N, C-alpha and C. Protein backbone atom coordinates (compact mmCIF):
# COMPACT_ATOMS: atom_id res chain seq x y z
N MET A 1 -17.56 -11.99 -18.79
CA MET A 1 -17.76 -13.40 -19.01
C MET A 1 -16.77 -13.36 -19.87
N PRO A 2 -16.04 -14.54 -19.90
CA PRO A 2 -15.19 -15.38 -20.71
C PRO A 2 -15.63 -15.58 -22.13
N ASP A 3 -15.21 -15.27 -23.60
CA ASP A 3 -15.69 -15.86 -24.84
C ASP A 3 -16.57 -17.43 -24.64
N GLY A 4 -15.21 -18.66 -24.23
CA GLY A 4 -15.85 -19.47 -24.41
C GLY A 4 -15.11 -20.39 -23.34
N PRO A 5 -15.24 -21.81 -23.55
CA PRO A 5 -14.45 -22.64 -22.38
C PRO A 5 -13.15 -22.69 -22.82
N GLY A 6 -12.74 -23.46 -21.55
CA GLY A 6 -11.09 -23.21 -21.52
C GLY A 6 -10.63 -21.90 -20.89
N SER A 7 -11.33 -21.03 -20.34
CA SER A 7 -10.80 -19.81 -20.26
C SER A 7 -10.18 -19.98 -19.10
N ASN A 8 -8.77 -19.42 -18.89
CA ASN A 8 -7.96 -19.84 -17.72
C ASN A 8 -7.62 -18.03 -17.43
N GLY A 9 -6.53 -18.47 -16.15
CA GLY A 9 -6.40 -16.88 -16.24
C GLY A 9 -7.03 -16.47 -14.36
N PRO A 10 -6.33 -15.41 -13.37
CA PRO A 10 -7.05 -15.11 -13.00
C PRO A 10 -8.11 -14.73 -13.03
N GLY A 11 -8.97 -14.82 -12.21
CA GLY A 11 -10.49 -14.21 -12.07
C GLY A 11 -10.98 -12.62 -11.96
N TYR A 12 -11.51 -11.99 -12.67
CA TYR A 12 -11.78 -10.91 -12.40
C TYR A 12 -12.00 -10.48 -10.88
N ASP A 13 -13.13 -11.35 -10.33
CA ASP A 13 -13.57 -10.53 -9.01
C ASP A 13 -12.32 -11.01 -7.63
N ASP A 14 -11.58 -11.75 -8.19
CA ASP A 14 -10.72 -12.80 -7.10
C ASP A 14 -9.55 -12.37 -7.07
N ASP A 15 -8.87 -11.40 -7.94
CA ASP A 15 -7.68 -10.71 -8.50
C ASP A 15 -7.01 -10.09 -9.36
N PHE A 16 -7.66 -8.45 -8.80
CA PHE A 16 -7.87 -7.48 -10.20
C PHE A 16 -6.81 -7.36 -10.29
N TYR A 17 -5.62 -7.43 -10.14
CA TYR A 17 -4.41 -6.79 -10.98
C TYR A 17 -4.23 -7.76 -11.48
N ALA A 18 -3.80 -9.32 -11.20
CA ALA A 18 -3.70 -10.30 -12.12
C ALA A 18 -4.12 -10.04 -13.20
N TRP A 19 -5.78 -9.81 -12.97
CA TRP A 19 -6.61 -10.21 -14.14
C TRP A 19 -6.22 -9.47 -15.01
N THR A 20 -6.11 -7.91 -14.86
CA THR A 20 -5.63 -6.74 -15.48
C THR A 20 -4.07 -7.39 -16.47
N GLN A 21 -3.61 -7.91 -15.79
CA GLN A 21 -1.97 -8.39 -16.09
C GLN A 21 -2.41 -9.36 -17.42
N TYR A 22 -2.81 -10.43 -17.38
CA TYR A 22 -3.44 -11.27 -17.59
C TYR A 22 -4.25 -10.71 -19.23
N GLN A 23 -5.08 -10.16 -18.75
CA GLN A 23 -5.55 -9.78 -19.92
C GLN A 23 -5.07 -8.87 -20.96
N ALA A 24 -4.13 -8.37 -20.35
CA ALA A 24 -2.92 -7.32 -21.32
C ALA A 24 -2.26 -8.52 -21.77
N ARG A 25 -1.97 -9.67 -21.59
CA ARG A 25 -0.90 -10.23 -22.23
C ARG A 25 -1.79 -11.20 -23.55
N VAL A 26 -3.01 -11.53 -22.79
CA VAL A 26 -4.03 -12.26 -23.63
C VAL A 26 -4.06 -11.46 -25.47
N LEU A 27 -4.45 -10.52 -25.08
CA LEU A 27 -5.05 -9.23 -25.51
C LEU A 27 -3.82 -9.05 -26.61
N ARG A 28 -2.75 -8.84 -26.19
CA ARG A 28 -1.39 -9.12 -27.49
C ARG A 28 -1.13 -10.31 -28.57
N SER A 29 -1.74 -11.28 -27.78
CA SER A 29 -1.06 -12.39 -28.36
C SER A 29 -2.60 -12.81 -29.40
N MET A 30 -3.35 -11.98 -29.52
CA MET A 30 -4.55 -12.58 -30.28
C MET A 30 -4.39 -11.90 -31.76
N PRO A 31 -4.18 -12.79 -32.55
CA PRO A 31 -4.07 -12.47 -34.13
C PRO A 31 -5.42 -11.67 -34.51
N CYS A 32 -4.83 -10.22 -35.27
CA CYS A 32 -5.87 -9.03 -35.30
C CYS A 32 -5.71 -8.76 -36.64
N ASP A 33 -6.37 -8.83 -37.67
CA ASP A 33 -6.29 -8.29 -39.49
C ASP A 33 -6.43 -7.03 -39.31
N ASP A 34 -7.60 -6.52 -38.74
CA ASP A 34 -8.37 -5.71 -38.57
C ASP A 34 -7.52 -4.55 -37.97
N ASN A 35 -7.00 -3.58 -38.61
CA ASN A 35 -6.39 -2.19 -38.01
C ASN A 35 -7.21 -0.86 -37.41
N ARG A 36 -8.49 -1.34 -37.49
CA ARG A 36 -9.43 -0.21 -36.74
C ARG A 36 -8.75 -0.55 -35.14
N PHE A 37 -9.00 -1.71 -34.51
CA PHE A 37 -8.44 -2.22 -33.66
C PHE A 37 -6.83 -2.07 -32.84
N ASP A 38 -7.48 -0.82 -31.62
CA ASP A 38 -5.15 -0.30 -31.36
C ASP A 38 -5.35 -1.27 -30.26
N ARG A 39 -5.20 -2.47 -30.69
CA ARG A 39 -5.24 -3.60 -29.54
C ARG A 39 -3.82 -3.22 -28.66
N GLU A 40 -2.91 -3.05 -29.06
CA GLU A 40 -1.35 -2.40 -27.96
C GLU A 40 -1.64 -1.53 -26.91
N ASN A 41 -2.62 -0.24 -27.33
CA ASN A 41 -2.78 0.95 -26.68
C ASN A 41 -4.04 0.31 -25.77
N VAL A 42 -5.34 -0.48 -26.30
CA VAL A 42 -5.90 -0.92 -25.26
C VAL A 42 -5.16 -1.47 -24.02
N ALA A 43 -4.44 -2.67 -24.80
CA ALA A 43 -3.21 -3.44 -23.62
C ALA A 43 -2.74 -2.63 -22.71
N GLU A 44 -2.23 -1.81 -22.88
CA GLU A 44 -1.70 -1.21 -22.34
C GLU A 44 -2.37 -0.30 -21.06
N GLU A 45 -3.68 0.42 -21.82
CA GLU A 45 -4.82 1.06 -20.69
C GLU A 45 -5.21 -0.04 -19.95
N ILE A 46 -5.27 -1.55 -20.01
CA ILE A 46 -5.76 -2.25 -19.21
C ILE A 46 -4.62 -2.36 -18.22
N GLU A 47 -3.82 -2.77 -18.43
CA GLU A 47 -2.50 -3.04 -17.53
C GLU A 47 -2.57 -2.04 -16.93
N ASP A 48 -2.60 -0.47 -17.16
CA ASP A 48 -2.53 0.64 -16.41
C ASP A 48 -3.23 0.52 -15.08
N LEU A 49 -4.63 0.31 -15.48
CA LEU A 49 -5.34 0.13 -14.49
C LEU A 49 -5.17 -0.95 -13.25
N GLY A 50 -4.29 -1.67 -13.83
CA GLY A 50 -3.96 -2.90 -12.11
C GLY A 50 -2.32 -2.07 -11.70
N ARG A 51 -1.69 -1.02 -12.78
CA ARG A 51 -0.54 -0.46 -12.10
C ARG A 51 -1.48 0.50 -11.28
N ASN A 52 -2.09 1.24 -11.53
CA ASN A 52 -3.10 1.74 -10.13
C ASN A 52 -3.26 1.30 -9.34
N SER A 53 -4.05 0.29 -9.54
CA SER A 53 -4.65 -0.48 -8.36
C SER A 53 -3.71 -1.06 -7.19
N ARG A 54 -2.16 -1.08 -8.19
CA ARG A 54 -1.03 -1.65 -7.52
C ARG A 54 -0.54 -0.25 -6.31
N GLU A 55 -0.39 0.39 -7.23
CA GLU A 55 0.23 2.12 -6.38
C GLU A 55 -0.33 2.49 -5.61
N ALA A 56 -2.41 2.34 -5.28
CA ALA A 56 -2.99 2.60 -4.66
C ALA A 56 -2.48 1.89 -3.29
N VAL A 57 -2.49 0.54 -3.58
CA VAL A 57 -2.13 -0.45 -2.08
C VAL A 57 -0.79 -0.36 -1.44
N ARG A 58 -0.10 0.16 -2.35
CA ARG A 58 1.00 0.37 -1.86
C ARG A 58 1.28 2.07 -1.65
N SER A 59 0.46 2.80 -1.73
CA SER A 59 0.30 4.07 -1.10
C SER A 59 -0.51 4.04 0.02
N GLN A 60 -1.32 3.17 0.34
CA GLN A 60 -2.27 2.68 1.28
C GLN A 60 -1.56 2.40 2.61
N VAL A 61 -0.34 1.72 1.85
CA VAL A 61 0.78 0.83 3.15
C VAL A 61 1.16 1.81 3.39
N ARG A 62 1.81 2.80 3.12
CA ARG A 62 2.85 3.97 3.51
C ARG A 62 1.88 4.63 3.99
N ARG A 63 1.04 5.07 3.89
CA ARG A 63 0.16 5.78 4.93
C ARG A 63 0.22 4.75 6.65
N ILE A 64 0.01 3.88 6.48
CA ILE A 64 -0.09 3.25 7.52
C ILE A 64 0.91 3.27 8.28
N LEU A 65 1.99 3.04 7.41
CA LEU A 65 3.09 2.39 7.82
C LEU A 65 3.76 4.22 8.91
N VAL A 66 3.52 5.41 8.09
CA VAL A 66 3.66 6.76 8.58
C VAL A 66 3.20 6.47 10.29
N HIS A 67 1.65 6.44 9.93
CA HIS A 67 1.06 6.94 11.30
C HIS A 67 1.27 5.92 12.28
N LEU A 68 1.99 4.48 11.88
CA LEU A 68 2.19 3.31 12.92
C LEU A 68 3.33 3.71 14.15
N LEU A 69 4.47 4.39 13.13
CA LEU A 69 6.01 5.44 13.39
C LEU A 69 5.67 6.40 14.15
N LYS A 70 4.79 7.06 13.80
CA LYS A 70 4.32 8.49 14.43
C LYS A 70 4.23 7.78 16.03
N LEU A 71 2.84 6.96 15.78
CA LEU A 71 1.90 6.57 17.23
C LEU A 71 3.07 5.96 18.10
N ALA A 72 4.56 5.32 17.88
CA ALA A 72 5.34 4.43 18.15
C ALA A 72 6.22 5.28 19.06
N TYR A 73 6.53 6.38 18.57
CA TYR A 73 7.99 7.33 18.01
C TYR A 73 7.87 8.63 18.67
N SER A 74 6.47 8.99 17.86
CA SER A 74 6.38 10.76 18.58
C SER A 74 6.16 10.92 19.74
N PRO A 75 6.67 12.13 20.93
CA PRO A 75 5.90 11.88 22.14
C PRO A 75 4.95 13.04 22.31
N ALA A 76 4.49 13.55 20.90
CA ALA A 76 3.63 14.19 21.10
C ALA A 76 1.71 13.07 21.27
N GLY A 77 1.44 14.12 21.96
CA GLY A 77 -0.10 13.94 22.33
C GLY A 77 -1.37 13.84 21.86
N ASN A 78 -1.36 15.38 21.60
CA ASN A 78 -2.79 15.49 20.45
C ASN A 78 -2.92 14.74 19.33
N PRO A 79 -1.98 14.77 18.07
CA PRO A 79 -2.63 14.22 17.21
C PRO A 79 -2.47 12.50 16.85
N ARG A 80 -2.70 12.32 18.23
CA ARG A 80 -2.78 10.01 18.56
C ARG A 80 -3.57 9.90 17.64
N ARG A 81 -5.29 10.62 17.76
CA ARG A 81 -6.52 9.44 17.70
C ARG A 81 -6.30 9.73 15.85
N GLY A 82 -5.63 11.16 15.65
CA GLY A 82 -5.65 11.14 13.87
C GLY A 82 -5.28 9.79 13.03
N TRP A 83 -3.85 9.81 13.77
CA TRP A 83 -2.94 9.30 13.61
C TRP A 83 -4.33 7.83 13.32
N ARG A 84 -4.72 7.34 14.27
CA ARG A 84 -5.59 5.90 14.43
C ARG A 84 -6.62 6.15 13.43
N GLY A 85 -6.67 7.64 13.64
CA GLY A 85 -8.36 7.18 12.59
C GLY A 85 -8.00 7.22 10.87
N SER A 86 -6.63 7.81 10.50
CA SER A 86 -5.78 7.42 9.46
C SER A 86 -5.80 5.85 9.44
N ILE A 87 -5.43 5.41 10.34
CA ILE A 87 -4.74 3.98 9.99
C ILE A 87 -5.94 2.85 9.86
N ILE A 88 -7.27 3.37 10.22
CA ILE A 88 -8.86 2.47 10.05
C ILE A 88 -9.45 2.81 8.91
N ASP A 89 -8.71 3.76 8.34
CA ASP A 89 -8.93 4.39 6.93
C ASP A 89 -8.26 3.54 6.23
N ALA A 90 -7.17 3.93 6.58
CA ALA A 90 -5.94 3.16 5.17
C ALA A 90 -6.34 1.54 4.63
N ARG A 91 -6.60 0.73 6.51
CA ARG A 91 -6.99 -0.48 6.50
C ARG A 91 -8.26 -0.63 5.54
N ALA A 92 -9.24 0.17 5.66
CA ALA A 92 -10.64 0.07 5.19
C ALA A 92 -10.57 -0.03 3.67
N GLU A 93 -9.79 0.94 3.00
CA GLU A 93 -9.30 0.78 1.41
C GLU A 93 -8.54 -0.06 1.08
N LEU A 94 -7.70 -0.67 1.96
CA LEU A 94 -7.21 -2.32 1.40
C LEU A 94 -7.59 -3.43 1.91
N SER A 95 -8.39 -3.19 3.21
CA SER A 95 -9.74 -4.43 2.35
C SER A 95 -10.49 -4.69 1.06
N ASP A 96 -10.65 -3.43 0.63
CA ASP A 96 -11.39 -3.29 -0.98
C ASP A 96 -10.56 -3.92 -1.86
N ARG A 97 -9.34 -3.42 -1.66
CA ARG A 97 -8.40 -4.01 -2.66
C ARG A 97 -7.31 -4.69 -3.33
N LEU A 98 -7.34 -5.41 -1.90
CA LEU A 98 -5.95 -6.34 -1.86
C LEU A 98 -6.13 -7.55 -2.31
N SER A 99 -5.18 -8.17 -3.43
CA SER A 99 -5.56 -9.54 -3.80
C SER A 99 -4.14 -10.29 -3.05
N PRO A 100 -4.35 -11.60 -3.52
CA PRO A 100 -3.45 -11.89 -3.30
C PRO A 100 -1.88 -11.90 -4.39
N THR A 101 -2.14 -11.82 -5.24
CA THR A 101 -1.18 -10.68 -6.09
C THR A 101 -0.41 -9.65 -5.42
N LEU A 102 -0.98 -8.57 -5.19
CA LEU A 102 -1.01 -7.22 -4.88
C LEU A 102 -0.47 -7.62 -3.18
N ARG A 103 -0.94 -8.65 -2.29
CA ARG A 103 0.00 -8.80 -0.95
C ARG A 103 0.93 -9.47 -1.34
N GLN A 104 1.23 -10.45 -2.75
CA GLN A 104 2.28 -10.79 -2.34
C GLN A 104 3.59 -10.03 -3.13
N ASP A 105 3.10 -8.87 -3.73
CA ASP A 105 3.99 -7.67 -3.93
C ASP A 105 4.20 -6.67 -3.21
N LEU A 106 3.15 -6.94 -2.29
CA LEU A 106 3.59 -6.08 -0.78
C LEU A 106 4.52 -6.43 0.13
N SER A 107 5.04 -8.02 0.12
CA SER A 107 5.97 -8.76 0.51
C SER A 107 7.04 -8.08 -0.03
N ALA A 108 7.06 -8.20 -1.66
CA ALA A 108 8.85 -8.33 -2.41
C ALA A 108 8.78 -6.84 -2.00
N THR A 109 7.80 -5.73 -1.38
CA THR A 109 8.76 -4.25 -1.69
C THR A 109 8.14 -3.60 -0.85
N LEU A 110 8.08 -4.12 0.48
CA LEU A 110 7.55 -3.99 1.41
C LEU A 110 9.52 -2.83 2.72
N GLY A 111 10.37 -3.55 2.31
CA GLY A 111 11.53 -2.84 2.45
C GLY A 111 11.59 -0.94 2.06
N LYS A 112 10.87 -1.21 0.28
CA LYS A 112 10.94 0.34 0.23
C LYS A 112 10.38 1.00 0.15
N ILE A 113 8.76 0.44 1.10
CA ILE A 113 7.57 1.53 1.17
C ILE A 113 8.19 1.81 2.63
N TYR A 114 8.69 0.99 3.48
CA TYR A 114 9.14 1.68 4.44
C TYR A 114 9.81 2.46 4.62
N SER A 115 10.97 2.60 4.25
CA SER A 115 12.04 3.67 3.78
C SER A 115 11.45 4.74 3.17
N ALA A 116 10.79 4.87 2.03
CA ALA A 116 10.00 6.19 2.13
C ALA A 116 9.06 6.48 3.21
N ALA A 117 8.48 5.85 3.71
CA ALA A 117 7.22 6.09 5.24
C ALA A 117 8.57 6.65 6.45
N ARG A 118 9.49 5.99 6.64
CA ARG A 118 10.71 6.43 7.76
C ARG A 118 10.89 7.81 7.40
N LYS A 119 11.45 7.84 5.85
CA LYS A 119 11.73 9.21 5.51
C LYS A 119 11.24 10.15 5.88
N ARG A 120 9.34 10.27 5.45
CA ARG A 120 8.40 10.99 5.59
C ARG A 120 8.31 11.85 6.83
N VAL A 121 8.68 10.16 8.55
CA VAL A 121 7.87 10.23 9.78
C VAL A 121 9.32 11.37 10.13
N ALA A 122 10.46 11.04 9.99
CA ALA A 122 11.74 11.93 10.31
C ALA A 122 11.93 13.14 10.07
N SER A 123 11.16 13.41 8.70
CA SER A 123 11.46 14.80 8.70
C SER A 123 10.19 15.79 9.40
N ASP A 124 8.74 15.00 9.48
CA ASP A 124 7.61 15.33 10.59
C ASP A 124 8.38 15.90 11.73
N LEU A 125 8.69 14.74 12.15
CA LEU A 125 9.60 14.69 13.52
C LEU A 125 10.01 15.81 13.71
N GLU A 126 11.44 16.07 12.70
CA GLU A 126 12.05 17.05 12.68
C GLU A 126 11.90 18.35 12.59
N ASP A 127 10.82 18.48 11.82
CA ASP A 127 9.97 19.85 11.99
C ASP A 127 9.38 20.15 12.94
N HIS A 128 8.74 19.04 13.78
CA HIS A 128 7.99 19.54 15.08
C HIS A 128 8.85 19.18 16.12
N GLY A 129 10.29 19.67 16.40
CA GLY A 129 11.01 19.39 17.33
C GLY A 129 11.46 18.57 17.91
N GLU A 130 11.31 17.46 17.51
CA GLU A 130 11.16 15.81 18.02
C GLU A 130 12.06 15.17 17.13
N ALA A 131 13.57 15.50 16.80
CA ALA A 131 15.10 14.89 16.30
C ALA A 131 15.07 14.07 17.07
N ASP A 132 14.92 13.74 18.79
CA ASP A 132 15.29 12.64 19.30
C ASP A 132 14.23 11.45 18.70
N ALA A 133 13.06 11.90 18.94
CA ALA A 133 12.57 10.23 18.37
C ALA A 133 12.95 10.23 16.99
N ALA A 134 13.24 11.14 16.03
CA ALA A 134 13.59 11.06 14.75
C ALA A 134 14.81 10.05 14.61
N ALA A 135 15.73 10.55 15.75
CA ALA A 135 16.92 9.26 15.81
C ALA A 135 16.75 7.85 15.98
N LEU A 136 15.17 7.80 16.83
CA LEU A 136 15.33 6.26 17.10
C LEU A 136 14.45 5.61 15.86
N LEU A 137 13.79 6.19 15.03
CA LEU A 137 13.29 5.41 14.03
C LEU A 137 14.06 4.21 13.46
N PRO A 138 13.65 3.18 13.71
CA PRO A 138 14.47 1.90 13.01
C PRO A 138 15.13 1.84 11.36
N ILE A 139 15.86 1.51 11.05
CA ILE A 139 16.39 1.77 9.77
C ILE A 139 15.73 0.33 8.69
N THR A 140 15.00 -0.63 9.39
CA THR A 140 14.61 -1.56 8.78
C THR A 140 12.89 -1.81 9.31
N CYS A 141 12.08 -2.47 8.76
CA CYS A 141 10.62 -2.12 8.83
C CYS A 141 10.52 -3.26 10.49
N PRO A 142 9.98 -2.47 11.20
CA PRO A 142 10.15 -3.16 12.41
C PRO A 142 9.19 -3.69 12.45
N TYR A 143 7.30 -4.00 11.78
CA TYR A 143 6.09 -4.34 11.56
C TYR A 143 6.32 -5.55 10.25
N THR A 144 5.34 -6.69 10.77
CA THR A 144 5.08 -8.06 10.04
C THR A 144 4.44 -7.19 8.81
N LEU A 145 3.93 -7.65 7.85
CA LEU A 145 2.77 -7.23 6.72
C LEU A 145 1.43 -7.71 7.40
N ASP A 146 1.54 -9.04 8.55
CA ASP A 146 0.42 -9.25 9.05
C ASP A 146 0.39 -8.30 9.91
N GLN A 147 0.79 -7.60 10.84
CA GLN A 147 0.81 -6.35 11.49
C GLN A 147 -0.35 -5.53 11.32
N ILE A 148 0.86 -5.18 9.75
CA ILE A 148 0.08 -3.29 9.28
C ILE A 148 -0.93 -3.75 8.68
N LEU A 149 -1.37 -4.80 8.13
CA LEU A 149 -2.64 -4.90 7.61
C LEU A 149 -3.88 -5.44 8.97
N GLU A 150 -3.72 -5.88 9.60
CA GLU A 150 -4.29 -6.73 10.42
C GLU A 150 -5.11 -5.40 11.44
N ASP A 151 -6.65 -5.17 11.34
CA ASP A 151 -7.46 -4.55 12.06
C ASP A 151 -7.32 -4.77 13.28
N ASP A 152 -7.42 -3.20 14.15
CA ASP A 152 -7.01 -2.79 15.96
C ASP A 152 -5.47 -3.33 15.97
N TRP A 153 -4.56 -3.32 15.84
CA TRP A 153 -2.88 -3.45 15.69
C TRP A 153 -2.91 -2.52 15.70
N TYR A 154 -1.92 -2.00 16.30
CA TYR A 154 -1.09 -0.49 16.70
C TYR A 154 0.03 -1.12 17.55
N PRO A 155 1.36 -0.24 17.67
CA PRO A 155 2.46 -0.43 18.62
C PRO A 155 2.42 0.42 19.50
N GLU A 156 3.42 -0.33 20.22
CA GLU A 156 3.56 -0.02 21.96
C GLU A 156 3.48 1.45 21.64
N THR A 157 3.40 2.13 22.79
CA THR A 157 3.00 3.71 23.12
C THR A 157 4.45 3.60 23.41
N PRO A 158 5.08 5.28 22.62
CA PRO A 158 6.50 5.97 23.11
C PRO A 158 7.10 5.50 24.72
N GLN A 159 8.27 5.34 24.61
CA GLN A 159 8.85 4.73 26.21
C GLN A 159 8.58 6.33 26.89
N THR A 160 8.98 7.57 26.10
CA THR A 160 8.89 8.79 26.84
C THR A 160 7.79 9.30 27.04
N PRO A 161 7.71 10.21 27.97
CA PRO A 161 6.60 11.05 28.73
C PRO A 161 6.05 11.63 27.44
N VAL A 162 4.35 11.71 27.46
CA VAL A 162 3.56 11.60 26.17
C VAL A 162 3.31 13.43 26.10
N GLN A 163 3.96 14.03 25.25
CA GLN A 163 3.74 15.68 25.67
C GLN A 163 2.62 16.17 25.16
N GLU A 164 1.73 16.80 25.63
CA GLU A 164 0.47 17.45 25.41
C GLU A 164 0.92 18.74 24.48
N GLU A 165 0.43 19.36 23.14
CA GLU A 165 0.61 20.08 22.43
C GLU A 165 -0.10 21.52 22.97
N LYS A 166 0.34 22.23 22.37
CA LYS A 166 -0.09 23.72 22.65
C LYS A 166 -1.00 24.61 22.26
């Protein structure tokens, strides 16, 4: 609860990441003559809570991208249900964590997140003898943020015949 009237800033329940960053700034700006209170480290810990939340959101988006790319480009047959399950789980995690500020962050960092996901998928495909599929991976993200986050949206299946694993 805020201490008094005139309290501004993002709400804790509305945008946790923005709230943590704002609270740390407010804490640092407050005068404090009592040296028993470790204001700087407390502010840093609050900021870290927000950064951890941001990194968790980015990680889930990277996970979704990895499995969307595998669904779209891998000719393998058997792991497809597991990839979809992983996407469903990651989207559920995001629905609990995603705030307006973190969505803006994703928009700004999607290219970087996609590059990391693409690198992982290319390596995985090559490790499973799917170098031709790895070569087809787009350099830039072929999906919008809305598609990545949308429940029940999946890319088209690969153009090549699906191979059953032995």
